[in-house]
Amino acid sequence: MFRIETEVDKDRRALLRARLRDTNTAASPVLAALRGTPEARETPLHVWALDDAGALSGGLVAHTWAGWLHITHLWVDTAHRGTGLGTRLLTDAENLARTTRACTHARLETWDFQAPAFYRKQGYEIVCEIPDYPPGVTEYTLTKKLG
């Protein structure tokens, strides 16, 4: 018999994550070879655009793991959209990931009302489409091979 609980528990979360990592490592020779290497750690990568006063005009938040750049947030202030700032933030992040962290690929998620066309223009390809996530919205996963 099991007792089921639903409260948030950070200690159990950490234990569950460690056990899942161990199970996955045991099942995958690729993950086993990766374990203990620098590429096995998720390492943050941030690129910020600040105006002359030091205010945030745009930014990109990502991390690298296993030779991949995973972009989680890219934002440009409305006043600077269409100026190439988004392209510069993305390009700088890709170049940093490729040259300083040996990343060979990048991935990201975006919604249909955000920027799928922008990312496709930057060389990203849609590899997954999830309709109604959330209801009425389509989420896309895109990837790119870093030159």
N, C-alpha and C. Protein backbone atom coordinates (compact mmCIF):
# COMPACT_ATOMS: atom_id res chain seq x y z
N MET A 1 0.84 -1.19 0.00
CA MET A 1 0.00 0.00 0.00
C MET A 1 0.88 1.24 0.00
N PHE A 2 0.46 2.25 -0.72
CA PHE A 2 1.21 3.49 -0.82
C PHE A 2 0.39 4.65 -0.27
N ARG A 3 1.08 5.60 0.29
CA ARG A 3 0.47 6.86 0.68
C ARG A 3 0.89 7.88 -0.38
N ILE A 4 -0.07 8.54 -0.98
CA ILE A 4 0.21 9.53 -2.01
C ILE A 4 0.12 10.92 -1.38
N GLU A 5 1.14 11.75 -1.62
CA GLU A 5 1.17 13.11 -1.12
C GLU A 5 1.35 14.06 -2.31
N THR A 6 0.88 15.28 -2.17
CA THR A 6 0.94 16.22 -3.28
C THR A 6 1.65 17.53 -2.96
N GLU A 7 2.17 17.69 -1.75
CA GLU A 7 2.82 18.96 -1.44
C GLU A 7 4.21 19.04 -2.08
N VAL A 8 4.65 20.26 -2.32
CA VAL A 8 5.97 20.51 -2.90
C VAL A 8 7.02 20.15 -1.85
N ASP A 9 8.02 19.36 -2.26
CA ASP A 9 9.07 18.92 -1.34
C ASP A 9 10.40 18.96 -2.08
N LYS A 10 11.22 19.95 -1.78
CA LYS A 10 12.48 20.14 -2.49
C LYS A 10 13.45 18.99 -2.26
N ASP A 11 13.47 18.42 -1.06
CA ASP A 11 14.38 17.30 -0.79
C ASP A 11 13.99 16.07 -1.60
N ARG A 12 12.70 15.76 -1.65
CA ARG A 12 12.25 14.62 -2.46
C ARG A 12 12.50 14.88 -3.94
N ARG A 13 12.31 16.12 -4.36
CA ARG A 13 12.58 16.47 -5.76
C ARG A 13 14.03 16.18 -6.11
N ALA A 14 14.94 16.61 -5.24
CA ALA A 14 16.37 16.37 -5.49
C ALA A 14 16.67 14.87 -5.51
N LEU A 15 16.06 14.13 -4.60
CA LEU A 15 16.27 12.68 -4.56
C LEU A 15 15.72 12.02 -5.82
N LEU A 16 14.52 12.42 -6.22
CA LEU A 16 13.92 11.87 -7.44
C LEU A 16 14.78 12.17 -8.65
N ARG A 17 15.27 13.40 -8.76
CA ARG A 17 16.11 13.79 -9.88
C ARG A 17 17.40 12.96 -9.92
N ALA A 18 18.02 12.76 -8.77
CA ALA A 18 19.24 11.95 -8.70
C ALA A 18 18.97 10.51 -9.10
N ARG A 19 17.86 9.96 -8.63
CA ARG A 19 17.53 8.57 -8.98
C ARG A 19 17.21 8.43 -10.46
N LEU A 20 16.51 9.40 -11.02
CA LEU A 20 16.22 9.36 -12.46
C LEU A 20 17.51 9.48 -13.26
N ARG A 21 18.41 10.37 -12.85
CA ARG A 21 19.71 10.52 -13.53
C ARG A 21 20.47 9.19 -13.48
N ASP A 22 20.49 8.54 -12.32
CA ASP A 22 21.19 7.26 -12.21
C ASP A 22 20.55 6.19 -13.09
N THR A 23 19.23 6.15 -13.12
CA THR A 23 18.52 5.18 -13.96
C THR A 23 18.82 5.43 -15.43
N ASN A 24 18.76 6.69 -15.84
CA ASN A 24 19.03 7.04 -17.24
C ASN A 24 20.48 6.74 -17.62
N THR A 25 21.41 7.04 -16.71
CA THR A 25 22.82 6.76 -16.98
C THR A 25 23.06 5.27 -17.14
N ALA A 26 22.41 4.46 -16.32
CA ALA A 26 22.56 3.01 -16.42
C ALA A 26 21.97 2.47 -17.73
N ALA A 27 20.94 3.13 -18.25
CA ALA A 27 20.27 2.64 -19.44
C ALA A 27 20.89 3.15 -20.74
N SER A 28 21.69 4.21 -20.68
CA SER A 28 22.20 4.83 -21.90
C SER A 28 23.71 4.92 -21.88
N PRO A 29 24.39 4.22 -22.79
CA PRO A 29 25.84 4.35 -22.87
C PRO A 29 26.28 5.79 -23.18
N VAL A 30 25.47 6.52 -23.92
CA VAL A 30 25.80 7.91 -24.24
C VAL A 30 25.80 8.75 -22.97
N LEU A 31 24.75 8.62 -22.16
CA LEU A 31 24.70 9.38 -20.90
C LEU A 31 25.77 8.90 -19.93
N ALA A 32 26.06 7.61 -19.93
CA ALA A 32 27.11 7.09 -19.05
C ALA A 32 28.46 7.70 -19.42
N ALA A 33 28.76 7.82 -20.71
CA ALA A 33 30.02 8.41 -21.14
C ALA A 33 30.07 9.91 -20.83
N LEU A 34 28.94 10.54 -20.85
CA LEU A 34 28.86 11.98 -20.58
C LEU A 34 29.06 12.30 -19.09
N ARG A 35 28.61 11.40 -18.25
CA ARG A 35 28.63 11.65 -16.80
C ARG A 35 30.05 11.92 -16.30
N GLY A 36 30.18 12.96 -15.50
CA GLY A 36 31.46 13.31 -14.93
C GLY A 36 32.31 14.21 -15.82
N THR A 37 31.85 14.50 -17.03
CA THR A 37 32.59 15.39 -17.92
C THR A 37 32.05 16.81 -17.76
N PRO A 38 32.81 17.81 -18.21
CA PRO A 38 32.30 19.19 -18.11
C PRO A 38 30.99 19.41 -18.87
N GLU A 39 30.78 18.67 -19.95
CA GLU A 39 29.56 18.82 -20.75
C GLU A 39 28.33 18.30 -20.03
N ALA A 40 28.52 17.53 -18.95
CA ALA A 40 27.39 16.96 -18.23
C ALA A 40 26.66 17.98 -17.37
N ARG A 41 27.31 19.11 -17.10
CA ARG A 41 26.70 20.14 -16.26
C ARG A 41 25.93 21.14 -17.12
N GLU A 42 24.78 21.56 -16.62
CA GLU A 42 24.06 22.66 -17.25
C GLU A 42 24.74 23.95 -16.81
N THR A 43 25.32 24.65 -17.76
CA THR A 43 26.07 25.87 -17.47
C THR A 43 25.33 27.06 -18.05
N PRO A 44 24.98 28.05 -17.22
CA PRO A 44 24.24 29.20 -17.72
C PRO A 44 25.03 29.99 -18.77
N LEU A 45 24.31 30.56 -19.71
CA LEU A 45 24.87 31.45 -20.71
C LEU A 45 23.87 32.59 -20.90
N HIS A 46 24.28 33.81 -20.56
CA HIS A 46 23.40 34.98 -20.67
C HIS A 46 24.07 36.03 -21.55
N VAL A 47 23.27 36.73 -22.35
CA VAL A 47 23.74 37.83 -23.18
C VAL A 47 22.76 38.99 -22.96
N TRP A 48 23.29 40.15 -22.55
CA TRP A 48 22.45 41.30 -22.22
C TRP A 48 22.76 42.47 -23.13
N ALA A 49 21.74 43.24 -23.50
CA ALA A 49 21.89 44.48 -24.24
C ALA A 49 21.40 45.61 -23.34
N LEU A 50 22.30 46.53 -23.01
CA LEU A 50 21.98 47.65 -22.13
C LEU A 50 22.12 48.96 -22.90
N ASP A 51 21.22 49.90 -22.64
CA ASP A 51 21.34 51.20 -23.30
C ASP A 51 22.39 52.05 -22.59
N ASP A 52 22.59 53.27 -23.06
CA ASP A 52 23.63 54.14 -22.50
C ASP A 52 23.44 54.42 -21.02
N ALA A 53 22.20 54.36 -20.54
CA ALA A 53 21.91 54.59 -19.12
C ALA A 53 22.02 53.31 -18.30
N GLY A 54 22.29 52.19 -18.98
CA GLY A 54 22.41 50.91 -18.28
C GLY A 54 21.10 50.16 -18.13
N ALA A 55 20.03 50.67 -18.75
CA ALA A 55 18.74 49.99 -18.68
C ALA A 55 18.71 48.81 -19.66
N LEU A 56 17.97 47.79 -19.29
CA LEU A 56 17.87 46.59 -20.12
C LEU A 56 17.07 46.88 -21.39
N SER A 57 17.70 46.68 -22.54
CA SER A 57 17.04 46.85 -23.84
C SER A 57 16.69 45.51 -24.46
N GLY A 58 17.36 44.45 -24.02
CA GLY A 58 17.10 43.11 -24.53
C GLY A 58 18.01 42.12 -23.84
N GLY A 59 17.69 40.85 -23.99
CA GLY A 59 18.53 39.84 -23.38
C GLY A 59 18.18 38.44 -23.82
N LEU A 60 19.11 37.56 -23.59
CA LEU A 60 18.95 36.15 -23.91
C LEU A 60 19.44 35.34 -22.72
N VAL A 61 18.62 34.40 -22.28
CA VAL A 61 18.97 33.51 -21.18
C VAL A 61 18.96 32.09 -21.72
N ALA A 62 20.05 31.39 -21.49
CA ALA A 62 20.19 30.02 -22.00
C ALA A 62 21.10 29.24 -21.07
N HIS A 63 21.27 27.98 -21.39
CA HIS A 63 22.30 27.17 -20.74
C HIS A 63 22.86 26.21 -21.79
N THR A 64 24.04 25.70 -21.51
CA THR A 64 24.63 24.70 -22.38
C THR A 64 24.69 23.38 -21.63
N TRP A 65 24.53 22.30 -22.38
CA TRP A 65 24.57 20.96 -21.82
C TRP A 65 24.81 19.98 -22.96
N ALA A 66 25.76 19.11 -22.79
CA ALA A 66 26.01 18.00 -23.72
C ALA A 66 26.20 18.47 -25.15
N GLY A 67 26.89 19.60 -25.31
CA GLY A 67 27.16 20.10 -26.65
C GLY A 67 26.01 20.84 -27.29
N TRP A 68 24.99 21.16 -26.50
CA TRP A 68 23.82 21.88 -26.99
C TRP A 68 23.67 23.20 -26.26
N LEU A 69 23.26 24.22 -26.99
CA LEU A 69 22.82 25.49 -26.43
C LEU A 69 21.30 25.41 -26.34
N HIS A 70 20.75 25.61 -25.13
CA HIS A 70 19.29 25.59 -24.95
C HIS A 70 18.85 26.99 -24.54
N ILE A 71 18.21 27.66 -25.46
CA ILE A 71 17.74 29.02 -25.23
C ILE A 71 16.37 28.95 -24.56
N THR A 72 16.25 29.61 -23.40
CA THR A 72 14.97 29.59 -22.69
C THR A 72 14.22 30.92 -22.81
N HIS A 73 14.95 32.04 -22.93
CA HIS A 73 14.30 33.34 -23.04
C HIS A 73 15.11 34.24 -23.98
N LEU A 74 14.40 34.91 -24.88
CA LEU A 74 14.98 35.96 -25.72
C LEU A 74 13.94 37.06 -25.80
N TRP A 75 14.33 38.26 -25.38
CA TRP A 75 13.41 39.39 -25.36
C TRP A 75 14.12 40.65 -25.81
N VAL A 76 13.41 41.46 -26.60
CA VAL A 76 13.91 42.76 -27.03
C VAL A 76 12.81 43.78 -26.75
N ASP A 77 13.19 44.90 -26.12
CA ASP A 77 12.25 45.98 -25.83
C ASP A 77 11.58 46.43 -27.12
N THR A 78 10.32 46.75 -27.03
CA THR A 78 9.54 47.16 -28.20
C THR A 78 10.23 48.26 -29.01
N ALA A 79 10.84 49.20 -28.33
CA ALA A 79 11.51 50.32 -29.02
C ALA A 79 12.67 49.87 -29.89
N HIS A 80 13.20 48.69 -29.64
CA HIS A 80 14.38 48.22 -30.37
C HIS A 80 14.10 47.04 -31.30
N ARG A 81 12.84 46.64 -31.39
CA ARG A 81 12.50 45.53 -32.29
C ARG A 81 12.64 46.00 -33.73
N GLY A 82 13.13 45.11 -34.57
CA GLY A 82 13.33 45.44 -35.98
C GLY A 82 14.65 46.13 -36.26
N THR A 83 15.49 46.29 -35.24
CA THR A 83 16.79 46.96 -35.42
C THR A 83 17.94 45.99 -35.58
N GLY A 84 17.66 44.69 -35.46
CA GLY A 84 18.73 43.69 -35.53
C GLY A 84 19.25 43.28 -34.17
N LEU A 85 18.71 43.87 -33.09
CA LEU A 85 19.19 43.54 -31.75
C LEU A 85 18.92 42.07 -31.40
N GLY A 86 17.74 41.57 -31.73
CA GLY A 86 17.43 40.16 -31.45
C GLY A 86 18.39 39.23 -32.19
N THR A 87 18.66 39.55 -33.44
CA THR A 87 19.62 38.75 -34.22
C THR A 87 20.99 38.79 -33.58
N ARG A 88 21.42 39.96 -33.12
CA ARG A 88 22.73 40.08 -32.49
C ARG A 88 22.81 39.28 -31.19
N LEU A 89 21.78 39.36 -30.36
CA LEU A 89 21.77 38.59 -29.11
C LEU A 89 21.86 37.08 -29.40
N LEU A 90 21.06 36.64 -30.37
CA LEU A 90 21.05 35.22 -30.73
C LEU A 90 22.39 34.79 -31.32
N THR A 91 22.92 35.57 -32.23
CA THR A 91 24.20 35.25 -32.87
C THR A 91 25.33 35.23 -31.84
N ASP A 92 25.35 36.22 -30.95
CA ASP A 92 26.40 36.24 -29.91
C ASP A 92 26.32 35.00 -29.02
N ALA A 93 25.10 34.61 -28.63
CA ALA A 93 24.95 33.42 -27.79
C ALA A 93 25.40 32.17 -28.53
N GLU A 94 25.01 32.04 -29.80
CA GLU A 94 25.42 30.88 -30.59
C GLU A 94 26.94 30.83 -30.73
N ASN A 95 27.56 31.97 -31.01
CA ASN A 95 29.01 32.01 -31.18
C ASN A 95 29.73 31.67 -29.88
N LEU A 96 29.26 32.21 -28.76
CA LEU A 96 29.86 31.87 -27.46
C LEU A 96 29.74 30.37 -27.18
N ALA A 97 28.56 29.83 -27.42
CA ALA A 97 28.33 28.40 -27.16
C ALA A 97 29.24 27.54 -28.04
N ARG A 98 29.38 27.94 -29.29
CA ARG A 98 30.19 27.17 -30.24
C ARG A 98 31.68 27.29 -29.93
N THR A 99 32.15 28.51 -29.67
CA THR A 99 33.60 28.72 -29.55
C THR A 99 34.15 28.48 -28.15
N THR A 100 33.36 28.72 -27.11
CA THR A 100 33.88 28.56 -25.75
C THR A 100 33.38 27.31 -25.05
N ARG A 101 32.33 26.69 -25.62
CA ARG A 101 31.75 25.51 -24.95
C ARG A 101 31.58 24.32 -25.89
N ALA A 102 32.10 24.43 -27.08
CA ALA A 102 32.10 23.34 -28.07
C ALA A 102 30.69 22.83 -28.40
N CYS A 103 29.71 23.71 -28.36
CA CYS A 103 28.35 23.30 -28.72
C CYS A 103 28.24 23.16 -30.23
N THR A 104 27.52 22.13 -30.65
CA THR A 104 27.33 21.88 -32.07
C THR A 104 25.90 22.12 -32.52
N HIS A 105 24.99 22.28 -31.57
CA HIS A 105 23.57 22.48 -31.89
C HIS A 105 22.94 23.44 -30.89
N ALA A 106 21.80 24.00 -31.30
CA ALA A 106 21.00 24.85 -30.43
C ALA A 106 19.55 24.42 -30.52
N ARG A 107 18.81 24.70 -29.44
CA ARG A 107 17.37 24.40 -29.42
C ARG A 107 16.65 25.46 -28.63
N LEU A 108 15.36 25.60 -28.91
CA LEU A 108 14.52 26.56 -28.20
C LEU A 108 13.06 26.20 -28.42
N GLU A 109 12.23 26.80 -27.61
CA GLU A 109 10.78 26.66 -27.76
C GLU A 109 10.21 28.07 -27.93
N THR A 110 9.18 28.19 -28.76
CA THR A 110 8.49 29.47 -28.95
C THR A 110 7.04 29.19 -29.28
N TRP A 111 6.18 30.16 -28.98
CA TRP A 111 4.76 30.04 -29.31
C TRP A 111 4.48 30.70 -30.66
N ASP A 112 3.35 30.33 -31.25
CA ASP A 112 3.01 30.84 -32.58
C ASP A 112 2.90 32.35 -32.64
N PHE A 113 2.53 33.02 -31.54
CA PHE A 113 2.39 34.47 -31.54
C PHE A 113 3.70 35.17 -31.18
N GLN A 114 4.73 34.41 -30.87
CA GLN A 114 6.02 35.00 -30.52
C GLN A 114 6.88 35.14 -31.78
N ALA A 115 7.82 34.22 -31.99
CA ALA A 115 8.82 34.49 -33.03
C ALA A 115 9.23 33.29 -33.87
N PRO A 116 8.34 32.36 -34.23
CA PRO A 116 8.82 31.24 -35.04
C PRO A 116 9.41 31.69 -36.38
N ALA A 117 8.83 32.72 -37.01
CA ALA A 117 9.37 33.19 -38.29
C ALA A 117 10.75 33.80 -38.12
N PHE A 118 10.97 34.53 -37.04
CA PHE A 118 12.28 35.11 -36.74
C PHE A 118 13.33 34.01 -36.62
N TYR A 119 13.02 32.97 -35.86
CA TYR A 119 14.00 31.89 -35.66
C TYR A 119 14.26 31.13 -36.95
N ARG A 120 13.23 30.90 -37.74
CA ARG A 120 13.44 30.22 -39.03
C ARG A 120 14.34 31.06 -39.94
N LYS A 121 14.19 32.36 -39.89
CA LYS A 121 15.04 33.26 -40.67
C LYS A 121 16.50 33.16 -40.21
N GLN A 122 16.70 32.80 -38.95
CA GLN A 122 18.04 32.66 -38.38
C GLN A 122 18.61 31.26 -38.59
N GLY A 123 17.91 30.41 -39.33
CA GLY A 123 18.41 29.08 -39.66
C GLY A 123 17.88 27.96 -38.80
N TYR A 124 16.93 28.24 -37.93
CA TYR A 124 16.33 27.20 -37.09
C TYR A 124 15.25 26.45 -37.86
N GLU A 125 15.10 25.17 -37.54
CA GLU A 125 14.08 24.34 -38.18
C GLU A 125 13.10 23.85 -37.14
N ILE A 126 11.82 23.85 -37.48
CA ILE A 126 10.81 23.33 -36.57
C ILE A 126 10.91 21.81 -36.55
N VAL A 127 11.08 21.24 -35.36
CA VAL A 127 11.16 19.79 -35.21
C VAL A 127 9.99 19.22 -34.41
N CYS A 128 9.22 20.11 -33.80
CA CYS A 128 8.06 19.66 -33.02
C CYS A 128 7.03 20.77 -32.99
N GLU A 129 5.78 20.38 -33.09
CA GLU A 129 4.67 21.32 -33.03
C GLU A 129 3.63 20.75 -32.08
N ILE A 130 3.27 21.53 -31.06
CA ILE A 130 2.28 21.07 -30.08
C ILE A 130 1.09 22.03 -30.11
N PRO A 131 0.01 21.63 -30.76
CA PRO A 131 -1.17 22.49 -30.81
C PRO A 131 -1.85 22.56 -29.44
N ASP A 132 -2.52 23.67 -29.19
CA ASP A 132 -3.30 23.87 -27.96
C ASP A 132 -2.48 23.76 -26.69
N TYR A 133 -1.24 24.29 -26.74
CA TYR A 133 -0.39 24.32 -25.54
C TYR A 133 0.11 25.73 -25.30
N PRO A 134 -0.62 26.54 -24.55
CA PRO A 134 -1.93 26.32 -23.91
C PRO A 134 -3.06 26.37 -24.93
N PRO A 135 -4.29 26.08 -24.50
CA PRO A 135 -5.40 26.04 -25.45
C PRO A 135 -5.45 27.29 -26.32
N GLY A 136 -5.55 27.05 -27.64
CA GLY A 136 -5.61 28.14 -28.60
C GLY A 136 -4.26 28.61 -29.10
N VAL A 137 -3.20 28.07 -28.57
CA VAL A 137 -1.83 28.48 -28.92
C VAL A 137 -1.06 27.24 -29.37
N THR A 138 -0.16 27.40 -30.31
CA THR A 138 0.72 26.31 -30.74
C THR A 138 2.13 26.61 -30.26
N GLU A 139 2.76 25.62 -29.64
CA GLU A 139 4.15 25.74 -29.25
C GLU A 139 5.01 24.98 -30.25
N TYR A 140 6.16 25.58 -30.59
CA TYR A 140 7.11 24.95 -31.51
C TYR A 140 8.43 24.73 -30.79
N THR A 141 9.06 23.62 -31.11
CA THR A 141 10.46 23.39 -30.74
C THR A 141 11.26 23.50 -32.02
N LEU A 142 12.34 24.27 -31.96
CA LEU A 142 13.19 24.48 -33.13
C LEU A 142 14.62 24.13 -32.78
N THR A 143 15.37 23.66 -33.76
CA THR A 143 16.79 23.34 -33.56
C THR A 143 17.60 23.92 -34.71
N LYS A 144 18.90 24.04 -34.44
CA LYS A 144 19.81 24.55 -35.45
C LYS A 144 21.17 23.90 -35.25
N LYS A 145 21.81 23.51 -36.32
CA LYS A 145 23.18 23.04 -36.26
C LYS A 145 24.07 24.28 -36.26
N LEU A 146 24.94 24.40 -35.28
CA LEU A 146 25.81 25.55 -35.17
C LEU A 146 27.04 25.35 -36.05
N GLY A 147 27.27 26.29 -36.98
CA GLY A 147 28.35 26.18 -37.95
C GLY A 147 29.66 26.25 -37.29
